[in-house]
Structures are given as structure tokens and as C-alpha cells.
């Protein structure tokens, strides 16, 4: 598990956040059954949110932590788009308001259940991440898999960049603030680290703009 905390400093709120990847041990499980199981755990562990998601367009763990931060902040400030934190989290992962499209791109599908490899995020107002994670493992008869969310490679960068329609010009502008230049072809490992850094900045900006859209609507 990749674990950390998010703090809403203006109101002194602190939440624990964890990301895990598992291999299912259950031989028969439907998507509806998984949703019901997660709802039961959330009801038992008050103040917690558990969301399984498709990680195809996830840049790294910072992408997930930022989505968790904006989800919690949206509900605290009453500017949430959805009435469900689980769905709000998916909207911020995608940085879009179109619920159907966000679920299509980042939501779990039956094929993920069939493949038996699932990634999920836990947000908790307590420090019970490990306990909640253990309950999930037991209920699903699952085991942890190595979490490769933070592996850096150009193909993933390009996939995420294209999905979020981030232009080379946007990347170049942010790179300049770090006194760096944009290398679009055969980037070195150091170049990739820089590209990931600025892409995270741009994704965070998209999430912030999404929250501001809700304020304008209101």
C-alpha cells in the first residue's frame, strides 16, 4: 500500500489516504456484488471511503492523492458535484463533470473483475487504513500485488497527456517555471521525471478548475 495524509489546512482537517492493488481470490464475484461489499465496509467503518478504479489513465500516486484532496475539500465546502464521495473521487480523477464519461474511463468494469487484478483507494478520517485494507483482503479472499503506479515511462506519460488533452505548449510553459526545457522525443530518465512533475501540476490545476466550475454554477 502507498499511504499518506491530506490536510485541509484552513479548517484543520486531516485524512489518511491509501492506494492498494490486489488479486482477487473469489471465483465468483459480480461488479454489483463488489459494490455492495464495499458499501457494507464503509457503513461499518464510518468516515471512510473505498473506491476501486481503472488505473489506465492514472499518472502516479500523486494524481490519486490530489483527487482525494479535492474530493474531501469539495464536500467540506459544499461544492461537491455528486452526492456520493466515491463518485466525486472518480470525477476528480478524470477532472471532468460528465459522470457517464468519467465512469466509462475511470470506473471499474466487469472485465476488471474477470482479470482479478484491482486497484483501489481508501480515504479515512481515522488512521485505520491498514485495518480497512485487511478487511477488504479478507472479504475478497485477496492478496496484495506489487503496486506499479509510480513507475515512470514515456508510454504512460503520453497516454495520460493525450487523455487529458495537455498540449506541448502547456508543458513547455510550466517547465520554464522550473528553468527546464521540453524534450518531446527520446527523453532521458531525468527528462521524464521533469515531465511527470509538470504533468502533475497541470492535472492539479484541472482539478482546481473543476471545483471552481461548481462555485460558478452555484
Protein backbone atom coordinates (compact mmCIF):
# COMPACT_ATOMS: atom_id res chain seq x y z
CA UNK A 1 0.00 0.00 0.00
CA UNK A 2 1.07 3.55 -0.75
CA UNK A 3 -0.15 5.58 2.22
CA UNK A 4 -0.11 9.22 3.18
CA UNK A 5 -2.27 12.00 4.54
CA UNK A 6 -4.09 15.03 3.22
CA UNK A 7 -4.67 18.15 5.27
CA UNK A 8 -7.30 20.83 4.69
CA UNK A 9 -5.29 23.48 6.50
CA UNK A 10 -7.91 26.22 6.68
CA UNK A 11 -10.20 24.04 8.81
CA UNK A 12 -7.56 21.77 10.37
CA UNK A 13 -8.94 18.57 8.83
CA UNK A 14 -6.67 15.57 8.33
CA UNK A 15 -7.46 12.40 6.40
CA UNK A 16 -5.47 9.23 5.78
CA UNK A 17 -5.26 8.01 2.19
CA UNK A 18 -4.06 4.64 0.93
CA UNK A 19 -3.74 3.04 -2.50
CA UNK A 20 -3.56 -0.73 -2.96
CA UNK A 21 -3.60 -3.30 -5.74
CA UNK A 22 -4.90 -6.81 -5.17
CA UNK A 23 -5.50 -10.11 -6.87
CA UNK A 24 -8.97 -11.49 -6.24
CA UNK A 25 -9.25 -14.94 -4.74
CA UNK A 26 -13.02 -15.27 -5.09
CA UNK A 27 -14.00 -17.46 -8.02
CA UNK A 28 -17.38 -15.78 -8.49
CA UNK A 29 -17.91 -12.06 -7.92
CA UNK A 30 -20.03 -9.60 -9.88
CA UNK A 31 -19.45 -5.87 -10.14
CA UNK A 32 -22.71 -5.35 -8.26
CA UNK A 33 -21.53 -7.74 -5.55
CA UNK A 34 -18.27 -5.82 -5.16
CA UNK A 35 -20.14 -2.51 -4.86
CA UNK A 36 -22.43 -3.98 -2.17
CA UNK A 37 -19.46 -5.38 -0.26
CA UNK A 38 -17.69 -2.01 -0.30
CA UNK A 39 -20.85 -0.24 0.86
CA UNK A 40 -21.08 -2.63 3.80
CA UNK A 41 -17.46 -1.96 4.80
CA UNK A 42 -17.98 1.81 4.53
CA UNK A 43 -21.08 1.59 6.70
CA UNK A 44 -19.11 -0.36 9.28
CA UNK A 45 -16.11 1.97 9.12
CA UNK A 46 -17.77 5.35 9.46
CA UNK A 47 -15.88 8.26 7.93
CA UNK A 48 -14.24 6.06 5.31
CA UNK A 49 -14.48 5.92 1.52
CA UNK A 50 -13.33 3.00 -0.61
CA UNK A 51 -13.23 3.31 -4.38
CA UNK A 52 -11.97 0.81 -6.95
CA UNK A 53 -10.88 2.43 -10.20
CA UNK A 54 -9.38 1.81 -13.61
CA UNK A 55 -5.76 3.00 -13.44
CA UNK A 56 -5.13 3.15 -17.21
CA UNK A 57 -5.04 6.97 -17.23
CA UNK A 58 -3.54 7.48 -13.77
CA UNK A 59 -0.17 9.21 -13.89
CA UNK A 60 1.02 8.20 -10.42
CA UNK A 61 0.04 8.17 -6.75
CA UNK A 62 0.15 11.98 -6.59
CA UNK A 63 -2.66 12.04 -9.17
CA UNK A 64 -4.77 9.89 -6.82
CA UNK A 65 -3.85 11.84 -3.68
CA UNK A 66 -4.80 15.13 -5.35
CA UNK A 67 -8.18 13.70 -6.37
CA UNK A 68 -8.73 12.59 -2.76
CA UNK A 69 -7.82 16.08 -1.51
CA UNK A 70 -10.25 17.86 -3.83
CA UNK A 71 -12.99 15.32 -3.05
CA UNK A 72 -12.75 15.92 0.70
CA UNK A 73 -12.47 19.70 0.23
CA UNK A 74 -15.49 19.78 -2.09
CA UNK A 75 -17.71 18.03 0.45
CA UNK A 76 -16.46 20.19 3.31
CA UNK A 77 -17.16 23.39 1.34
CA UNK A 78 -20.49 22.14 -0.01
CA UNK A 79 -19.42 22.43 -3.66
CA UNK A 80 -19.48 18.71 -4.43
CA UNK A 81 -20.81 17.76 -7.86
CA UNK A 82 -22.09 14.33 -6.78
CA UNK A 83 -23.87 13.34 -3.57
CA UNK A 84 -21.51 10.37 -3.23
CA UNK A 85 -17.87 10.75 -2.26
CA UNK A 86 -17.00 7.63 -4.27
CA UNK A 87 -18.34 9.18 -7.46
CA UNK A 88 -16.89 12.62 -6.66
CA UNK A 89 -13.48 10.99 -6.39
CA UNK A 90 -13.86 9.49 -9.88
CA UNK A 91 -14.86 12.90 -11.27
CA UNK A 92 -11.70 14.46 -9.86
CA UNK A 93 -9.53 11.63 -11.16
CA UNK A 94 -10.89 12.45 -14.62
CA UNK A 95 -11.11 16.21 -13.98
CA UNK A 96 -14.46 16.26 -15.75
CA UNK A 97 -18.09 16.91 -14.83
CA UNK A 98 -19.60 14.36 -17.23
CA UNK A 99 -20.40 11.49 -14.88
CA UNK A 100 -21.09 8.93 -17.60
CA UNK A 101 -17.79 9.66 -19.37
CA UNK A 102 -15.82 9.62 -16.11
CA UNK A 103 -17.24 6.24 -15.15
CA UNK A 104 -16.53 4.92 -18.63
CA UNK A 105 -12.87 5.94 -18.40
CA UNK A 106 -12.03 5.53 -14.71
CA UNK A 107 -14.75 3.32 -13.29
CA UNK A 108 -14.44 -0.40 -12.70
CA UNK A 109 -15.92 -2.72 -15.34
CA UNK A 110 -16.77 -6.45 -15.41
CA UNK A 111 -13.55 -7.10 -17.37
CA UNK A 112 -11.51 -5.90 -14.40
CA UNK A 113 -13.35 -8.39 -12.17
CA UNK A 114 -12.64 -11.14 -14.71
CA UNK A 115 -8.94 -10.25 -14.78
CA UNK A 116 -8.93 -10.40 -10.96
CA UNK A 117 -6.45 -7.52 -10.61
CA UNK A 118 -7.97 -4.45 -8.96
CA UNK A 119 -6.64 -1.08 -7.79
CA UNK A 120 -8.43 0.95 -5.14
CA UNK A 121 -8.14 3.97 -2.89
CA UNK A 122 -9.12 4.27 0.76
CA UNK A 123 -9.85 7.66 2.34
CA UNK A 124 -10.41 7.62 6.09
CA UNK A 125 -10.94 10.29 8.73
CA UNK A 126 -9.15 7.93 11.14
CA UNK A 127 -5.78 6.20 10.92
CA UNK A 128 -7.34 2.76 10.28
CA UNK A 129 -6.03 2.36 6.73
CA UNK A 130 -4.29 -0.95 7.39
CA UNK A 131 -7.31 -2.30 9.24
CA UNK A 132 -9.71 -1.33 6.44
CA UNK A 133 -7.29 -2.74 3.88
CA UNK A 134 -7.14 -6.02 5.78
CA UNK A 135 -10.95 -6.24 5.88
CA UNK A 136 -11.04 -5.81 2.08
CA UNK A 137 -8.48 -8.59 1.65
CA UNK A 138 -10.47 -10.93 3.88
CA UNK A 139 -13.85 -10.19 2.30
CA UNK A 140 -12.48 -10.71 -1.21
CA UNK A 141 -10.14 -13.57 -0.30
CA UNK A 142 -7.47 -11.44 -1.98
CA UNK A 143 -3.75 -10.83 -1.73
CA UNK A 144 -1.68 -7.74 -2.36
CA UNK A 145 0.06 -7.27 -5.70
CA UNK A 146 3.08 -5.02 -6.30
CA UNK A 147 1.77 -1.53 -6.91
CA UNK A 148 3.47 -0.14 -10.01
CA UNK A 149 1.55 3.13 -10.06
CA UNK A 150 4.71 5.20 -9.60
CA UNK A 151 6.75 3.58 -12.35
CA UNK A 152 7.91 6.20 -14.81
CA UNK A 153 7.84 5.51 -18.54
CA UNK A 154 7.20 7.54 -21.67
CA UNK A 155 4.25 5.46 -22.91
CA UNK A 156 2.26 6.14 -19.75
CA UNK A 157 3.15 9.82 -19.82
CA UNK A 158 1.97 10.05 -23.45
CA UNK A 159 -1.24 8.12 -22.71
CA UNK A 160 -2.15 10.40 -19.78
CA UNK A 161 -1.10 13.55 -21.67
CA UNK A 162 -3.31 12.63 -24.63
CA UNK A 163 -6.30 11.66 -22.48
CA UNK A 164 -6.28 14.96 -20.59
CA UNK A 165 -5.54 16.90 -23.80
CA UNK A 166 -2.42 18.51 -22.36
CA UNK A 167 -0.52 20.34 -25.08
CA UNK A 168 3.22 20.54 -25.60
CA UNK A 169 2.90 24.30 -25.18
CA UNK A 170 1.32 23.92 -21.73
CA UNK A 171 4.11 21.58 -20.68
CA UNK A 172 6.78 23.94 -22.05
CA UNK A 173 5.33 26.89 -20.12
CA UNK A 174 5.35 25.03 -16.81
CA UNK A 175 8.81 23.58 -17.48
CA UNK A 176 10.11 27.13 -17.96
CA UNK A 177 8.98 27.99 -14.42
CA UNK A 178 11.40 25.29 -13.28
CA UNK A 179 14.07 26.57 -15.71
CA UNK A 180 13.76 23.38 -17.78
CA UNK A 181 13.26 22.69 -21.49
CA UNK A 182 10.73 20.38 -23.13
CA UNK A 183 12.20 17.24 -24.72
CA UNK A 184 9.48 15.69 -26.88
CA UNK A 185 11.47 12.80 -28.36
CA UNK A 186 13.56 10.12 -26.63
CA UNK A 187 13.54 11.86 -23.23
CA UNK A 188 16.10 10.69 -20.68
CA UNK A 189 15.07 9.41 -17.24
CA UNK A 190 15.74 12.87 -15.81
CA UNK A 191 13.61 14.42 -18.57
CA UNK A 192 10.77 12.02 -17.78
CA UNK A 193 10.90 12.89 -14.09
CA UNK A 194 10.51 16.56 -15.07
CA UNK A 195 7.66 15.74 -17.48
CA UNK A 196 5.84 13.83 -14.74
CA UNK A 197 6.37 16.74 -12.35
CA UNK A 198 4.80 19.34 -14.62
CA UNK A 199 2.03 16.98 -15.73
CA UNK A 200 1.07 16.56 -12.08
CA UNK A 201 0.98 20.35 -11.77
CA UNK A 202 -1.32 20.60 -14.79
CA UNK A 203 -3.59 17.79 -13.55
CA UNK A 204 -3.87 19.51 -10.18
CA UNK A 205 -4.77 22.74 -11.97
CA UNK A 206 -7.52 20.91 -13.87
CA UNK A 207 -8.95 19.59 -10.58
CA UNK A 208 -8.87 23.07 -9.07
CA UNK A 209 -10.70 24.47 -12.12
CA UNK A 210 -13.30 21.71 -11.81
CA UNK A 211 -14.06 22.78 -8.24
CA UNK A 212 -14.28 26.42 -9.33
CA UNK A 213 -16.80 25.47 -12.04
CA UNK A 214 -19.11 24.21 -9.31
CA UNK A 215 -18.82 27.51 -7.46
CA UNK A 216 -19.72 29.41 -10.64
CA UNK A 217 -22.71 27.15 -11.23
CA UNK A 218 -23.95 27.84 -7.71
